[in-house]
Amino acid sequence: MNREDVLNAVLSARTREEVAQAQKMRNEWVKLHPDDDEIFDASESLEMLAQAQALIDAEKNS
């Protein structure tokens, strides 16, 4: 896995599975490269997608 792979996964994730995989890749990358702000900043969209998916799931279950 290289930086371009991580950035591509983070920026292109749309489905639950893609978001989960991109989060995993991001977490592994940030552990090894904690000062890579671009990857960290780009992953903000992942968190928004994950939160939206969690809200949708919560609404379905209520």
PDB file of N, CA and C in Angstrom:
ATOM      1  N   MET A   1       0.853  -1.168   0.000  1.00  0.00           N
ATOM      2  CA  MET A   1       0.000   0.000   0.000  1.00  0.00           C
ATOM      3  C   MET A   1       0.902   1.235   0.000  1.00  0.00           C
ATOM      4  N   ASN A   2       0.614   2.138  -0.927  1.00  0.00           N
ATOM      5  CA  ASN A   2       1.365   3.383  -0.953  1.00  0.00           C
ATOM      6  C   ASN A   2       0.428   4.563  -0.719  1.00  0.00           C
ATOM      7  N   ARG A   3       1.010   5.735  -0.641  1.00  0.00           N
ATOM      8  CA  ARG A   3       0.248   6.944  -0.322  1.00  0.00           C
ATOM      9  C   ARG A   3      -0.848   7.201  -1.352  1.00  0.00           C
ATOM     10  N   GLU A   4      -0.530   6.994  -2.618  1.00  0.00           N
ATOM     11  CA  GLU A   4      -1.516   7.220  -3.682  1.00  0.00           C
ATOM     12  C   GLU A   4      -2.706   6.275  -3.537  1.00  0.00           C
ATOM     13  N   ASP A   5      -2.446   5.018  -3.176  1.00  0.00           N
ATOM     14  CA  ASP A   5      -3.530   4.050  -2.950  1.00  0.00           C
ATOM     15  C   ASP A   5      -4.459   4.524  -1.831  1.00  0.00           C
ATOM     16  N   VAL A   6      -3.858   4.996  -0.750  1.00  0.00           N
ATOM     17  CA  VAL A   6      -4.647   5.456   0.398  1.00  0.00           C
ATOM     18  C   VAL A   6      -5.468   6.680   0.010  1.00  0.00           C
ATOM     19  N   LEU A   7      -4.832   7.648  -0.626  1.00  0.00           N
ATOM     20  CA  LEU A   7      -5.533   8.869  -1.011  1.00  0.00           C
ATOM     21  C   LEU A   7      -6.665   8.566  -1.978  1.00  0.00           C
ATOM     22  N   ASN A   8      -6.422   7.685  -2.933  1.00  0.00           N
ATOM     23  CA  ASN A   8      -7.463   7.304  -3.891  1.00  0.00           C
ATOM     24  C   ASN A   8      -8.635   6.620  -3.181  1.00  0.00           C
ATOM     25  N   ALA A   9      -8.340   5.711  -2.270  1.00  0.00           N
ATOM     26  CA  ALA A   9      -9.402   5.011  -1.533  1.00  0.00           C
ATOM     27  C   ALA A   9     -10.217   5.993  -0.697  1.00  0.00           C
ATOM     28  N   VAL A  10      -9.537   6.912  -0.046  1.00  0.00           N
ATOM     29  CA  VAL A  10     -10.213   7.897   0.807  1.00  0.00           C
ATOM     30  C   VAL A  10     -11.120   8.802  -0.020  1.00  0.00           C
ATOM     31  N   LEU A  11     -10.613   9.267  -1.145  1.00  0.00           N
ATOM     32  CA  LEU A  11     -11.368  10.232  -1.945  1.00  0.00           C
ATOM     33  C   LEU A  11     -12.483   9.602  -2.776  1.00  0.00           C
ATOM     34  N   SER A  12     -12.381   8.308  -3.051  1.00  0.00           N
ATOM     35  CA  SER A  12     -13.384   7.683  -3.919  1.00  0.00           C
ATOM     36  C   SER A  12     -14.414   6.839  -3.164  1.00  0.00           C
ATOM     37  N   ALA A  13     -14.255   6.676  -1.867  1.00  0.00           N
ATOM     38  CA  ALA A  13     -15.166   5.832  -1.081  1.00  0.00           C
ATOM     39  C   ALA A  13     -16.583   6.395  -1.094  1.00  0.00           C
ATOM     40  N   ARG A  14     -17.549   5.526  -1.366  1.00  0.00           N
ATOM     41  CA  ARG A  14     -18.957   5.930  -1.371  1.00  0.00           C
ATOM     42  C   ARG A  14     -19.841   4.934  -0.617  1.00  0.00           C
ATOM     43  N   THR A  15     -19.598   3.653  -0.811  1.00  0.00           N
ATOM     44  CA  THR A  15     -20.424   2.639  -0.157  1.00  0.00           C
ATOM     45  C   THR A  15     -19.904   2.350   1.246  1.00  0.00           C
ATOM     46  N   ARG A  16     -20.721   1.656   2.048  1.00  0.00           N
ATOM     47  CA  ARG A  16     -20.291   1.273   3.396  1.00  0.00           C
ATOM     48  C   ARG A  16     -18.976   0.509   3.362  1.00  0.00           C
ATOM     49  N   GLU A  17     -18.894  -0.441   2.452  1.00  0.00           N
ATOM     50  CA  GLU A  17     -17.703  -1.273   2.355  1.00  0.00           C
ATOM     51  C   GLU A  17     -16.486  -0.443   1.958  1.00  0.00           C
ATOM     52  N   GLU A  18     -16.661   0.456   0.995  1.00  0.00           N
ATOM     53  CA  GLU A  18     -15.553   1.315   0.561  1.00  0.00           C
ATOM     54  C   GLU A  18     -15.113   2.249   1.681  1.00  0.00           C
ATOM     55  N   VAL A  19     -16.076   2.793   2.408  1.00  0.00           N
ATOM     56  CA  VAL A  19     -15.753   3.684   3.529  1.00  0.00           C
ATOM     57  C   VAL A  19     -14.983   2.914   4.602  1.00  0.00           C
ATOM     58  N   ALA A  20     -15.448   1.725   4.943  1.00  0.00           N
ATOM     59  CA  ALA A  20     -14.778   0.915   5.965  1.00  0.00           C
ATOM     60  C   ALA A  20     -13.358   0.560   5.534  1.00  0.00           C
ATOM     61  N   GLN A  21     -13.186   0.173   4.278  1.00  0.00           N
ATOM     62  CA  GLN A  21     -11.858  -0.174   3.776  1.00  0.00           C
ATOM     63  C   GLN A  21     -10.951   1.053   3.761  1.00  0.00           C
ATOM     64  N   ALA A  22     -11.475   2.182   3.323  1.00  0.00           N
ATOM     65  CA  ALA A  22     -10.680   3.412   3.274  1.00  0.00           C
ATOM     66  C   ALA A  22     -10.289   3.864   4.684  1.00  0.00           C
ATOM     67  N   GLN A  23     -11.199   3.715   5.643  1.00  0.00           N
ATOM     68  CA  GLN A  23     -10.875   4.073   7.027  1.00  0.00           C
ATOM     69  C   GLN A  23      -9.751   3.185   7.560  1.00  0.00           C
ATOM     70  N   LYS A  24      -9.821   1.906   7.247  1.00  0.00           N
ATOM     71  CA  LYS A  24      -8.781   0.973   7.686  1.00  0.00           C
ATOM     72  C   LYS A  24      -7.431   1.351   7.075  1.00  0.00           C
ATOM     73  N   MET A  25      -7.436   1.624   5.772  1.00  0.00           N
ATOM     74  CA  MET A  25      -6.200   2.023   5.093  1.00  0.00           C
ATOM     75  C   MET A  25      -5.663   3.324   5.676  1.00  0.00           C
ATOM     76  N   ARG A  26      -6.559   4.289   5.900  1.00  0.00           N
ATOM     77  CA  ARG A  26      -6.160   5.579   6.463  1.00  0.00           C
ATOM     78  C   ARG A  26      -5.541   5.403   7.842  1.00  0.00           C
ATOM     79  N   ASN A  27      -6.185   4.600   8.683  1.00  0.00           N
ATOM     80  CA  ASN A  27      -5.681   4.382  10.041  1.00  0.00           C
ATOM     81  C   ASN A  27      -4.292   3.760  10.030  1.00  0.00           C
ATOM     82  N   GLU A  28      -4.089   2.769   9.167  1.00  0.00           N
ATOM     83  CA  GLU A  28      -2.778   2.134   9.059  1.00  0.00           C
ATOM     84  C   GLU A  28      -1.737   3.136   8.568  1.00  0.00           C
ATOM     85  N   TRP A  29      -2.113   3.952   7.582  1.00  0.00           N
ATOM     86  CA  TRP A  29      -1.184   4.933   7.012  1.00  0.00           C
ATOM     87  C   TRP A  29      -0.797   5.984   8.057  1.00  0.00           C
ATOM     88  N   VAL A  30      -1.786   6.490   8.778  1.00  0.00           N
ATOM     89  CA  VAL A  30      -1.523   7.552   9.752  1.00  0.00           C
ATOM     90  C   VAL A  30      -0.649   7.040  10.903  1.00  0.00           C
ATOM     91  N   LYS A  31      -0.787   5.763  11.257  1.00  0.00           N
ATOM     92  CA  LYS A  31       0.086   5.197  12.292  1.00  0.00           C
ATOM     93  C   LYS A  31       1.545   5.249  11.857  1.00  0.00           C
ATOM     94  N   LEU A  32       1.780   4.984  10.573  1.00  0.00           N
ATOM     95  CA  LEU A  32       3.149   4.970  10.055  1.00  0.00           C
ATOM     96  C   LEU A  32       3.640   6.353   9.641  1.00  0.00           C
ATOM     97  N   HIS A  33       2.711   7.240   9.308  1.00  0.00           N
ATOM     98  CA  HIS A  33       3.050   8.575   8.803  1.00  0.00           C
ATOM     99  C   HIS A  33       2.185   9.624   9.509  1.00  0.00           C
ATOM    100  N   PRO A  34       2.386   9.814  10.806  1.00  0.00           N
ATOM    101  CA  PRO A  34       1.499  10.686  11.580  1.00  0.00           C
ATOM    102  C   PRO A  34       1.511  12.153  11.160  1.00  0.00           C
ATOM    103  N   ASP A  35       2.520  12.564  10.428  1.00  0.00           N
ATOM    104  CA  ASP A  35       2.588  13.964  10.011  1.00  0.00           C
ATOM    105  C   ASP A  35       2.086  14.190   8.585  1.00  0.00           C
ATOM    106  N   ASP A  36       1.405  13.207   8.013  1.00  0.00           N
ATOM    107  CA  ASP A  36       0.849  13.349   6.660  1.00  0.00           C
ATOM    108  C   ASP A  36      -0.526  14.007   6.762  1.00  0.00           C
ATOM    109  N   ASP A  37      -0.507  15.317   6.820  1.00  0.00           N
ATOM    110  CA  ASP A  37      -1.743  16.081   7.010  1.00  0.00           C
ATOM    111  C   ASP A  37      -2.715  15.947   5.850  1.00  0.00           C
ATOM    112  N   GLU A  38      -2.212  15.768   4.639  1.00  0.00           N
ATOM    113  CA  GLU A  38      -3.112  15.682   3.482  1.00  0.00           C
ATOM    114  C   GLU A  38      -4.027  14.464   3.590  1.00  0.00           C
ATOM    115  N   ILE A  39      -3.476  13.334   3.955  1.00  0.00           N
ATOM    116  CA  ILE A  39      -4.294  12.124   4.124  1.00  0.00           C
ATOM    117  C   ILE A  39      -5.298  12.345   5.251  1.00  0.00           C
ATOM    118  N   PHE A  40      -4.832  12.891   6.345  1.00  0.00           N
ATOM    119  CA  PHE A  40      -5.721  13.131   7.484  1.00  0.00           C
ATOM    120  C   PHE A  40      -6.845  14.085   7.099  1.00  0.00           C
ATOM    121  N   ASP A  41      -6.518  15.189   6.434  1.00  0.00           N
ATOM    122  CA  ASP A  41      -7.536  16.167   6.026  1.00  0.00           C
ATOM    123  C   ASP A  41      -8.512  15.579   5.013  1.00  0.00           C
ATOM    124  N   ALA A  42      -7.999  14.817   4.061  1.00  0.00           N
ATOM    125  CA  ALA A  42      -8.857  14.225   3.032  1.00  0.00           C
ATOM    126  C   ALA A  42      -9.841  13.236   3.639  1.00  0.00           C
ATOM    127  N   SER A  43      -9.479  12.645   4.748  1.00  0.00           N
ATOM    128  CA  SER A  43     -10.343  11.627   5.349  1.00  0.00           C
ATOM    129  C   SER A  43     -11.517  12.220   6.122  1.00  0.00           C
ATOM    130  N   GLU A  44     -11.599  13.536   6.224  1.00  0.00           N
ATOM    131  CA  GLU A  44     -12.757  14.142   6.885  1.00  0.00           C
ATOM    132  C   GLU A  44     -14.048  13.737   6.185  1.00  0.00           C
ATOM    133  N   SER A  45     -14.012  13.624   4.865  1.00  0.00           N
ATOM    134  CA  SER A  45     -15.209  13.216   4.121  1.00  0.00           C
ATOM    135  C   SER A  45     -15.617  11.792   4.486  1.00  0.00           C
ATOM    136  N   LEU A  46     -14.647  10.938   4.776  1.00  0.00           N
ATOM    137  CA  LEU A  46     -14.961   9.569   5.213  1.00  0.00           C
ATOM    138  C   LEU A  46     -15.766   9.588   6.502  1.00  0.00           C
ATOM    139  N   GLU A  47     -15.349  10.423   7.418  1.00  0.00           N
ATOM    140  CA  GLU A  47     -16.042  10.499   8.697  1.00  0.00           C
ATOM    141  C   GLU A  47     -17.467  11.003   8.512  1.00  0.00           C
ATOM    142  N   MET A  48     -17.653  11.958   7.621  1.00  0.00           N
ATOM    143  CA  MET A  48     -19.009  12.454   7.357  1.00  0.00           C
ATOM    144  C   MET A  48     -19.875  11.362   6.741  1.00  0.00           C
ATOM    145  N   LEU A  49     -19.309  10.595   5.806  1.00  0.00           N
ATOM    146  CA  LEU A  49     -20.057   9.492   5.203  1.00  0.00           C
ATOM    147  C   LEU A  49     -20.400   8.431   6.247  1.00  0.00           C
ATOM    148  N   ALA A  50     -19.446   8.093   7.090  1.00  0.00           N
ATOM    149  CA  ALA A  50     -19.685   7.086   8.127  1.00  0.00           C
ATOM    150  C   ALA A  50     -20.769   7.553   9.098  1.00  0.00           C
ATOM    151  N   GLN A  51     -20.734   8.826   9.472  1.00  0.00           N
ATOM    152  CA  GLN A  51     -21.758   9.365  10.368  1.00  0.00           C
ATOM    153  C   GLN A  51     -23.128   9.359   9.704  1.00  0.00           C
ATOM    154  N   ALA A  52     -23.179   9.712   8.438  1.00  0.00           N
ATOM    155  CA  ALA A  52     -24.455   9.702   7.714  1.00  0.00           C
ATOM    156  C   ALA A  52     -25.010   8.284   7.637  1.00  0.00           C
ATOM    157  N   GLN A  53     -24.141   7.318   7.363  1.00  0.00           N
ATOM    158  CA  GLN A  53     -24.582   5.932   7.300  1.00  0.00           C
ATOM    159  C   GLN A  53     -25.083   5.459   8.664  1.00  0.00           C
ATOM    160  N   ALA A  54     -24.430   5.876   9.732  1.00  0.00           N
ATOM    161  CA  ALA A  54     -24.867   5.499  11.080  1.00  0.00           C
ATOM    162  C   ALA A  54     -26.234   6.100  11.393  1.00  0.00           C
ATOM    163  N   LEU A  55     -26.457   7.334  10.976  1.00  0.00           N
ATOM    164  CA  LEU A  55     -27.766   7.965  11.186  1.00  0.00           C
ATOM    165  C   LEU A  55     -28.865   7.248  10.411  1.00  0.00           C
ATOM    166  N   ILE A  56     -28.565   6.869   9.187  1.00  0.00           N
ATOM    167  CA  ILE A  56     -29.537   6.131   8.371  1.00  0.00           C
ATOM    168  C   ILE A  56     -29.873   4.805   9.043  1.00  0.00           C
ATOM    169  N   ASP A  57     -28.849   4.102   9.517  1.00  0.00           N
ATOM    170  CA  ASP A  57     -29.069   2.824  10.200  1.00  0.00           C
ATOM    171  C   ASP A  57     -29.902   3.011  11.468  1.00  0.00           C
ATOM    172  N   ALA A  58     -29.600   4.044  12.229  1.00  0.00           N
ATOM    173  CA  ALA A  58     -30.338   4.305  13.468  1.00  0.00           C
ATOM    174  C   ALA A  58     -31.801   4.610  13.173  1.00  0.00           C
ATOM    175  N   GLU A  59     -32.038   5.345  12.109  1.00  0.00           N
ATOM    176  CA  GLU A  59     -33.415   5.680  11.743  1.00  0.00           C
ATOM    177  C   GLU A  59     -34.182   4.433  11.303  1.00  0.00           C
ATOM    178  N   LYS A  60     -33.513   3.553  10.573  1.00  0.00           N
ATOM    179  CA  LYS A  60     -34.155   2.313  10.126  1.00  0.00           C
ATOM    180  C   LYS A  60     -34.519   1.425  11.311  1.00  0.00           C
ATOM    181  N   ASN A  61     -33.693   1.457  12.346  1.00  0.00           N
ATOM    182  CA  ASN A  61     -33.887   0.584  13.507  1.00  0.00           C
ATOM    183  C   ASN A  61     -34.825   1.165  14.557  1.00  0.00           C
ATOM    184  N   SER A  62     -35.295   2.383  14.354  1.00  0.00           N
ATOM    185  CA  SER A  62     -36.180   2.974  15.372  1.00  0.00           C
ATOM    186  C   SER A  62     -37.633   2.870  14.983  1.00  0.00           C
TER     187      SER A  62
END
